[in-house]
Protein backbone atom coordinates (compact mmCIF):
# COMPACT_ATOMS: atom_id res chain seq x y z
CA SER A 1 15.54 7.10 -7.37
CA GLU A 2 14.76 4.87 -10.36
CA LEU A 3 18.47 4.14 -10.73
CA ILE A 4 18.76 3.26 -7.04
CA MET A 5 15.78 0.88 -7.26
CA ALA A 6 17.23 -0.77 -10.35
CA SER A 7 20.44 -1.51 -8.45
CA ILE A 8 18.59 -2.87 -5.39
CA PHE A 9 15.89 -4.95 -7.08
CA LYS A 10 16.35 -7.63 -9.70
CA ASP A 11 13.21 -6.88 -11.70
CA ASN A 12 10.14 -4.66 -11.97
CA ASN A 13 8.06 -7.21 -10.03
CA GLN A 14 10.20 -6.61 -6.94
CA VAL A 15 9.95 -2.86 -7.47
CA ALA A 16 6.16 -3.17 -7.75
CA TYR A 17 5.85 -4.99 -4.41
CA TYR A 18 8.21 -2.46 -2.79
CA GLU A 19 6.12 0.45 -4.09
CA LEU A 20 2.89 -1.30 -3.10
CA ARG A 21 4.08 -1.73 0.48
CA LYS A 22 5.39 1.84 0.57
CA LYS A 23 2.02 3.27 -0.52
CA ARG A 24 0.15 0.90 1.80
CA ASN A 25 2.27 2.02 4.74
CA GLU A 26 1.59 5.68 3.94
CA LEU A 27 -2.16 5.02 3.90
CA LEU A 28 -2.01 3.10 7.17
CA LYS A 29 0.00 5.90 8.77
CA GLU A 30 -2.70 8.40 7.75
CA THR A 31 -5.23 6.43 9.83
CA ASP A 32 -3.04 5.43 12.78
CA PHE A 33 -4.74 7.95 15.06
CA HIS A 34 -7.99 5.98 14.60
CA ALA A 35 -6.34 2.94 16.17
CA LEU A 36 -5.10 4.60 19.37
CA SER A 37 -6.09 2.92 22.60
CA ASP A 38 -8.31 5.82 23.67
CA VAL A 39 -10.24 5.91 20.36
CA THR A 40 -12.99 3.48 19.41
CA LEU A 41 -12.16 2.11 15.98
CA SER A 42 -15.24 1.93 13.77
CA SER A 43 -15.91 -1.31 11.93
CA SER A 44 -15.50 0.45 8.56
CA MET A 45 -12.09 1.82 9.58
CA ARG A 46 -11.09 -1.57 10.97
CA THR A 47 -12.09 -3.20 7.66
CA TYR A 48 -10.21 -0.54 5.65
CA ARG A 49 -7.01 -0.93 7.68
CA GLN A 50 -7.19 -4.73 7.42
CA ALA A 51 -7.69 -4.50 3.65
CA LEU A 52 -4.58 -2.30 3.45
CA ARG A 53 -2.55 -4.80 5.48
CA ASP A 54 -3.78 -7.63 3.24
CA LEU A 55 -2.91 -5.83 -0.02
CA PRO A 56 0.47 -7.45 -0.73
CA ALA A 57 -0.91 -10.95 -0.21
CA ASN A 58 -4.09 -10.19 -2.15
CA THR A 59 -2.36 -8.56 -5.13
CA PRO A 60 -1.00 -11.39 -7.28
CA ASN A 61 0.43 -9.35 -10.14
CA PRO A 62 1.38 -5.77 -9.32
CA GLN A 63 3.32 -4.03 -12.07
CA TRP A 64 5.70 -1.09 -11.95
CA ASP A 65 5.96 1.26 -14.90
CA GLY A 66 9.42 2.74 -14.51
CA GLU A 67 8.90 5.31 -17.22
CA THR A 68 5.95 6.96 -15.47
CA SER A 69 6.75 5.79 -11.91
CA THR A 70 3.28 4.29 -11.71
CA LEU A 71 2.04 1.26 -9.82
CA LEU A 72 -0.34 -0.80 -11.97
CA ASN A 73 -2.74 -3.71 -11.35
CA VAL A 74 -3.36 -2.66 -7.74
CA THR A 75 -6.73 -1.69 -6.32
CA PHE A 76 -6.41 0.19 -3.06
CA PRO A 77 -9.44 0.08 -0.75
CA THR A 78 -11.55 3.21 -0.38
CA LYS A 79 -10.96 5.09 2.87
CA PRO A 80 -14.16 5.45 4.90
CA THR A 81 -15.42 8.98 5.53
CA GLU A 82 -15.29 9.33 9.29
């Protein structure tokens, strides 16, 4: 997978944003059931999901460590306990 990413992306910065969005999408998917039309979305869950959607724009310098496959310089919001 690292070899595939190296051929698709020009540098580690692009890989970092790709990985950031991938992780963000996974976290959003985990909470999608909270946003169904027949469920009342709590304000804490609404805030959490908005913070996830805002992550790429609010993360000026994500880094990707290809050796350890680790995303660095990113602070993901804490999921509310509901």
